[in-house]
Amino acid sequence: MRGPCGRGRRRGARLALALACLIALTAPAGAAIGGEARVSIDVKEADVVDVIRLLAELGGFQVVIHPGVSCRLTLSLREVAWPSILDLAVKSCGLGKDEEAGVVRVAKLAQLTEEAAGRRRFEEARQRSAPRQVAYQRLSYARAQELAPIVKRFLSPGSEVVYDTRTNTLIIID
C-alpha cells in the first residue's frame, strides 16, 4: 500500500515516528515534573518496537525487546509523562515489561508470566532441598501439644512441629 507521497507504508510510519520524536524533544523546558519529561506523541500505525525505542531515548534507559514482539499502535497523547506512555504502549499490545539492573525487557505477557512461575518453582525447590535444621524447645508454662499448631503457622511451608508430651518439648524442623 502506498502513502500520500508515493512512498511505502513503512516509510510513512518511520516519518511519523521521527516527527513524534521531534515533538517530544522540543517540549517546553518547564515540561518536566518530578524528573520525568512530559511528552507529546502523535503516531498512526507505528511499530511498538519503534515507540519503545523512542521512549528509551527520552527516558535514558536501556531496553531489550524480545524478538517475538510485533504490534502496530496509534497514539495521540499530549504532555504525558514518558513512563505512562511506555506502560500504555506495552499494555495496549498485550505485552509486559520486566526491569532488572536498569535495563527494561519487553516481551509477551505470557512469556514473562511463565518465566516468573519458573523462577518461583526453582526457588521453592531450592528451599526444599536445603539442609533442614532441628530445634528443641522445652516448655515450662504451656503444653507443647496445644502450642504446636500455633507455632506451625509461623513457619515456612514444608516445616514440621512435633511435640513430646513426656518432656513437654517442641521439636521444630525447618
Protein backbone atom coordinates (compact mmCIF):
# COMPACT_ATOMS: atom_id res chain seq x y z
CA MET A 1 0.00 0.00 0.00
CA ARG A 2 1.36 3.43 -0.95
CA GLY A 3 1.21 6.57 1.16
CA PRO A 4 0.25 10.09 0.04
CA CYS A 5 3.75 10.91 -1.25
CA GLY A 6 4.12 7.70 -3.25
CA ARG A 7 6.32 6.11 -0.58
CA GLY A 8 5.61 2.80 1.14
CA ARG A 9 3.57 2.49 4.30
CA ARG A 10 6.61 1.51 6.41
CA ARG A 11 8.45 4.67 5.38
CA GLY A 12 5.41 6.74 6.34
CA ALA A 13 5.35 5.15 9.80
CA ARG A 14 9.03 5.92 10.29
CA LEU A 15 8.47 9.52 9.21
CA ALA A 16 5.58 9.84 11.68
CA LEU A 17 7.76 8.40 14.42
CA ALA A 18 10.57 10.81 13.56
CA LEU A 19 8.09 13.69 13.77
CA ALA A 20 6.89 12.41 17.13
CA CYS A 21 10.49 12.35 18.30
CA LEU A 22 10.93 15.93 17.14
CA ILE A 23 7.78 16.95 19.00
CA ALA A 24 8.97 15.16 22.13
CA LEU A 25 12.43 16.67 22.05
CA THR A 26 11.13 20.20 21.53
CA ALA A 27 8.85 20.05 24.56
CA PRO A 28 8.98 23.21 26.70
CA ALA A 29 11.76 23.42 29.29
CA GLY A 30 9.24 23.50 32.14
CA ALA A 31 7.57 20.29 30.97
CA ALA A 32 9.47 18.06 33.37
CA ILE A 33 7.56 17.24 36.54
CA GLY A 34 9.26 15.19 39.24
CA GLY A 35 12.19 14.45 36.94
CA GLU A 36 10.00 12.77 34.31
CA ALA A 37 9.78 14.54 30.96
CA ARG A 38 6.28 15.26 29.72
CA VAL A 39 5.99 14.18 26.12
CA SER A 40 3.59 14.75 23.26
CA ILE A 41 3.39 11.95 20.72
CA ASP A 42 1.10 11.52 17.74
CA VAL A 43 1.65 8.43 15.59
CA LYS A 44 -0.60 6.28 13.44
CA GLU A 45 0.05 2.57 12.91
CA ALA A 46 3.58 2.88 14.35
CA ASP A 47 5.50 -0.25 15.23
CA VAL A 48 5.56 -0.75 19.02
CA VAL A 49 9.29 -1.51 18.85
CA ASP A 50 9.96 1.93 17.38
CA VAL A 51 7.78 3.62 20.01
CA ILE A 52 9.56 1.79 22.85
CA ARG A 53 12.97 2.68 21.42
CA LEU A 54 11.90 6.35 21.21
CA LEU A 55 10.81 6.28 24.85
CA ALA A 56 14.09 4.61 25.83
CA GLU A 57 15.96 7.53 24.24
CA LEU A 58 13.77 10.07 26.03
CA GLY A 59 13.88 8.29 29.39
CA GLY A 60 17.57 7.49 29.26
CA PHE A 61 17.13 3.79 29.97
CA GLN A 62 18.32 0.70 28.17
CA VAL A 63 15.82 -1.64 26.59
CA VAL A 64 15.83 -5.22 25.33
CA ILE A 65 12.87 -6.24 23.19
CA HIS A 66 12.08 -9.91 22.68
CA PRO A 67 12.22 -10.97 19.02
CA GLY A 68 8.58 -12.17 19.01
CA VAL A 69 7.21 -8.69 19.78
CA SER A 70 5.19 -7.07 16.99
CA CYS A 71 2.23 -4.74 17.17
CA ARG A 72 1.00 -1.58 15.46
CA LEU A 73 -0.02 1.36 17.63
CA THR A 74 -1.88 4.58 17.13
CA LEU A 75 -1.10 7.11 19.84
CA SER A 76 -2.25 10.69 20.21
CA LEU A 77 -1.07 11.98 23.57
CA ARG A 78 -0.25 15.50 24.76
CA GLU A 79 2.03 16.33 27.67
CA VAL A 80 2.08 12.87 29.29
CA ALA A 81 4.97 11.54 31.39
CA TRP A 82 7.03 9.11 29.30
CA PRO A 83 6.74 6.22 31.84
CA SER A 84 2.97 6.40 31.45
CA ILE A 85 3.28 6.28 27.67
CA LEU A 86 5.57 3.25 27.96
CA ASP A 87 3.08 1.46 30.22
CA LEU A 88 0.19 2.26 27.88
CA ALA A 89 2.07 1.12 24.78
CA VAL A 90 3.12 -2.14 26.42
CA LYS A 91 -0.35 -2.92 27.80
CA SER A 92 -2.13 -1.98 24.57
CA CYS A 93 -0.19 -4.65 22.70
CA GLY A 94 -0.67 -7.37 25.33
CA LEU A 95 2.96 -7.17 26.35
CA GLY A 96 4.70 -6.96 29.68
CA LYS A 97 7.90 -5.38 30.93
CA ASP A 98 10.43 -6.52 33.45
CA GLU A 99 13.13 -4.24 34.88
CA GLU A 100 16.40 -5.54 36.22
CA ALA A 101 19.55 -3.53 36.93
CA GLY A 102 18.31 -0.50 35.00
CA VAL A 103 17.50 -2.49 31.85
CA VAL A 104 13.88 -2.82 30.76
CA ARG A 105 12.96 -6.02 28.95
CA VAL A 106 9.77 -6.12 26.90
CA ALA A 107 8.19 -9.44 25.89
CA LYS A 108 4.82 -11.08 25.53
CA LEU A 109 2.97 -11.13 28.85
CA ALA A 110 2.53 -14.92 28.75
CA GLN A 111 6.27 -15.40 28.39
CA LEU A 112 7.11 -13.12 31.32
CA THR A 113 4.47 -14.85 33.47
CA GLU A 114 5.86 -18.28 32.57
CA GLU A 115 9.40 -17.16 33.42
CA ALA A 116 8.28 -15.75 36.79
CA ALA A 117 6.49 -19.01 37.62
CA GLY A 118 9.63 -20.95 36.68
CA ARG A 119 11.77 -18.77 38.97
CA ARG A 120 9.26 -19.27 41.79
CA ARG A 121 9.27 -23.08 41.31
CA PHE A 122 13.07 -23.09 41.26
CA GLU A 123 13.25 -21.08 44.50
CA GLU A 124 10.75 -23.39 46.21
CA ALA A 125 12.69 -26.47 45.10
CA ARG A 126 15.92 -24.91 46.33
CA GLN A 127 14.37 -24.23 49.72
CA ARG A 128 13.00 -27.78 49.96
CA SER A 129 16.39 -29.29 49.14
CA ALA A 130 18.29 -27.14 51.63
CA PRO A 131 19.54 -28.90 54.75
CA ARG A 132 16.93 -28.86 57.48
CA GLN A 133 17.61 -27.58 60.97
CA VAL A 134 16.16 -29.07 64.10
CA ALA A 135 15.48 -27.02 67.21
CA TYR A 136 14.30 -28.31 70.58
CA GLN A 137 12.30 -26.01 72.84
CA ARG A 138 11.40 -27.23 76.30
CA LEU A 139 8.32 -25.51 77.68
CA SER A 140 7.58 -24.66 81.31
CA TYR A 141 4.28 -22.77 81.41
CA ALA A 142 2.44 -24.13 78.37
CA ARG A 143 1.57 -27.52 76.96
CA ALA A 144 3.57 -28.49 73.89
CA GLN A 145 0.55 -30.30 72.45
CA GLU A 146 -1.51 -27.08 72.48
CA LEU A 147 1.29 -24.81 71.29
CA ALA A 148 2.44 -26.93 68.32
CA PRO A 149 -0.33 -25.84 65.87
CA ILE A 150 0.23 -22.18 66.75
CA VAL A 151 3.98 -22.38 66.13
CA LYS A 152 3.38 -24.27 62.85
CA ARG A 153 1.51 -21.26 61.41
CA PHE A 154 4.62 -19.08 61.69
CA LEU A 155 6.99 -21.49 59.92
CA SER A 156 7.75 -21.79 56.23
CA PRO A 157 5.89 -24.36 54.10
CA GLY A 158 7.34 -27.82 54.47
CA SER A 159 8.41 -27.25 58.07
CA GLU A 160 7.24 -29.54 60.83
CA VAL A 161 6.45 -29.17 64.52
CA VAL A 162 6.46 -32.32 66.62
CA TYR A 163 5.90 -32.45 70.35
CA ASP A 164 6.93 -34.80 73.11
CA THR A 165 4.29 -34.85 75.85
CA ARG A 166 6.51 -36.79 78.23
CA THR A 167 9.14 -33.95 78.40
CA ASN A 168 6.78 -31.15 77.26
CA THR A 169 9.19 -30.29 74.41
CA LEU A 170 8.53 -28.83 70.96
CA ILE A 171 10.71 -30.23 68.18
CA ILE A 172 10.82 -27.73 65.30
CA ILE A 173 12.15 -28.98 61.96
CA ASP A 174 12.76 -26.19 59.46
